[in-house]
Amino acid sequence: MTRERDDAPIEVEDATGFGDQVRMVVGVVALAALLLFFVQNLQEVQMHFLWFDWNTRLLFALFASAAVGGIATWLFSALRRRAKRAQRALK
């Protein structure tokens, strides 16, 4: 038994819309502003967190807090997407 194969090229439409492009531009501008803010804050500071005390550059403290915030945002959005998907599956 033979099977015919269609070698015609598959047309793929551009999946990025205007809203996606706006989000990308806003994200790049926000990242550039964050990096500029990091570079302008290089002085040494004393950190106090719970029972820990240490000296570090403010740059590292800002980077750590931005990373934790980004990870938390990603986790919460993933949980929300999962909950929406589960809710749609129940309908």
Protein backbone atom coordinates (compact mmCIF):
# COMPACT_ATOMS: atom_id res chain seq x y z
CA MET A 1 0.00 0.00 0.00
CA THR A 2 1.46 3.33 -1.03
CA ARG A 3 0.72 6.67 0.40
CA GLU A 4 0.88 9.86 -1.60
CA ARG A 5 2.77 12.69 -0.06
CA ASP A 6 1.87 16.32 -0.59
CA ASP A 7 5.11 18.27 -0.95
CA ALA A 8 3.36 21.62 -1.26
CA PRO A 9 4.81 24.22 1.13
CA ILE A 10 2.76 24.91 4.21
CA GLU A 11 1.76 28.54 4.65
CA VAL A 12 2.20 29.81 8.17
CA GLU A 13 0.66 33.10 9.21
CA ASP A 14 2.48 35.51 11.47
CA ALA A 15 1.34 34.63 14.99
CA THR A 16 2.40 37.93 16.55
CA GLY A 17 -0.28 40.57 16.62
CA PHE A 18 -0.12 44.23 17.49
CA GLY A 19 -0.76 43.55 21.18
CA ASP A 20 2.17 41.10 21.29
CA GLN A 21 4.45 43.68 19.71
CA VAL A 22 3.37 46.35 22.20
CA ARG A 23 4.02 43.96 25.10
CA MET A 24 7.46 43.17 23.69
CA VAL A 25 8.39 46.86 23.33
CA VAL A 26 7.12 47.66 26.85
CA GLY A 27 9.09 44.69 28.21
CA VAL A 28 12.30 45.76 26.50
CA VAL A 29 11.91 49.37 27.72
CA ALA A 30 11.20 48.14 31.28
CA LEU A 31 14.24 45.86 31.17
CA ALA A 32 16.45 48.70 29.91
CA ALA A 33 15.17 50.98 32.69
CA LEU A 34 15.80 48.27 35.27
CA LEU A 35 19.36 47.71 34.03
CA LEU A 36 20.03 51.46 34.07
CA PHE A 37 18.71 51.62 37.63
CA PHE A 38 21.01 48.74 38.61
CA VAL A 39 24.08 50.42 37.12
CA GLN A 40 23.34 53.71 38.91
CA ASN A 41 23.19 51.97 42.32
CA LEU A 42 26.64 50.50 42.87
CA GLN A 43 27.30 51.78 46.41
CA GLU A 44 27.85 49.38 49.29
CA VAL A 45 24.96 48.98 51.75
CA GLN A 46 24.35 47.04 54.95
CA MET A 47 21.53 44.51 54.59
CA HIS A 48 19.28 43.30 57.42
CA PHE A 49 16.97 40.38 56.66
CA LEU A 50 15.39 38.41 59.47
CA TRP A 51 18.36 37.53 61.68
CA PHE A 52 20.97 37.98 58.92
CA ASP A 53 23.19 41.05 58.60
CA TRP A 54 25.71 41.54 55.81
CA ASN A 55 27.30 44.17 53.56
CA THR A 56 26.80 44.01 49.81
CA ARG A 57 26.49 46.27 46.82
CA LEU A 58 23.01 47.65 46.30
CA LEU A 59 23.18 46.31 42.75
CA PHE A 60 23.11 42.72 44.02
CA ALA A 61 20.26 43.40 46.44
CA LEU A 62 18.21 45.00 43.66
CA PHE A 63 18.98 42.15 41.28
CA ALA A 64 18.00 39.53 43.87
CA SER A 65 14.71 41.28 44.66
CA ALA A 66 13.91 41.69 40.94
CA ALA A 67 14.67 38.01 40.32
CA VAL A 68 12.49 36.88 43.23
CA GLY A 69 9.69 39.17 42.03
CA GLY A 70 9.97 37.85 38.47
CA ILE A 71 9.92 34.23 39.61
CA ALA A 72 6.92 34.88 41.88
CA THR A 73 5.05 36.59 39.04
CA TRP A 74 5.79 33.70 36.70
CA LEU A 75 4.68 31.12 39.29
CA PHE A 76 1.42 32.91 40.11
CA SER A 77 0.58 33.39 36.44
CA ALA A 78 1.31 29.71 35.75
CA LEU A 79 -0.97 28.68 38.62
CA ARG A 80 -3.69 31.01 37.33
CA ARG A 81 -3.41 29.57 33.80
CA ARG A 82 -3.61 26.04 35.22
CA ALA A 83 -6.71 26.92 37.25
CA LYS A 84 -8.39 28.49 34.22
CA ARG A 85 -7.55 25.44 32.12
CA ALA A 86 -8.98 23.11 34.79
CA GLN A 87 -12.10 25.25 35.04
CA ARG A 88 -12.59 25.13 31.26
CA ALA A 89 -12.15 21.35 31.31
CA LEU A 90 -15.00 21.03 33.82
CA LYS A 91 -17.44 22.94 31.61
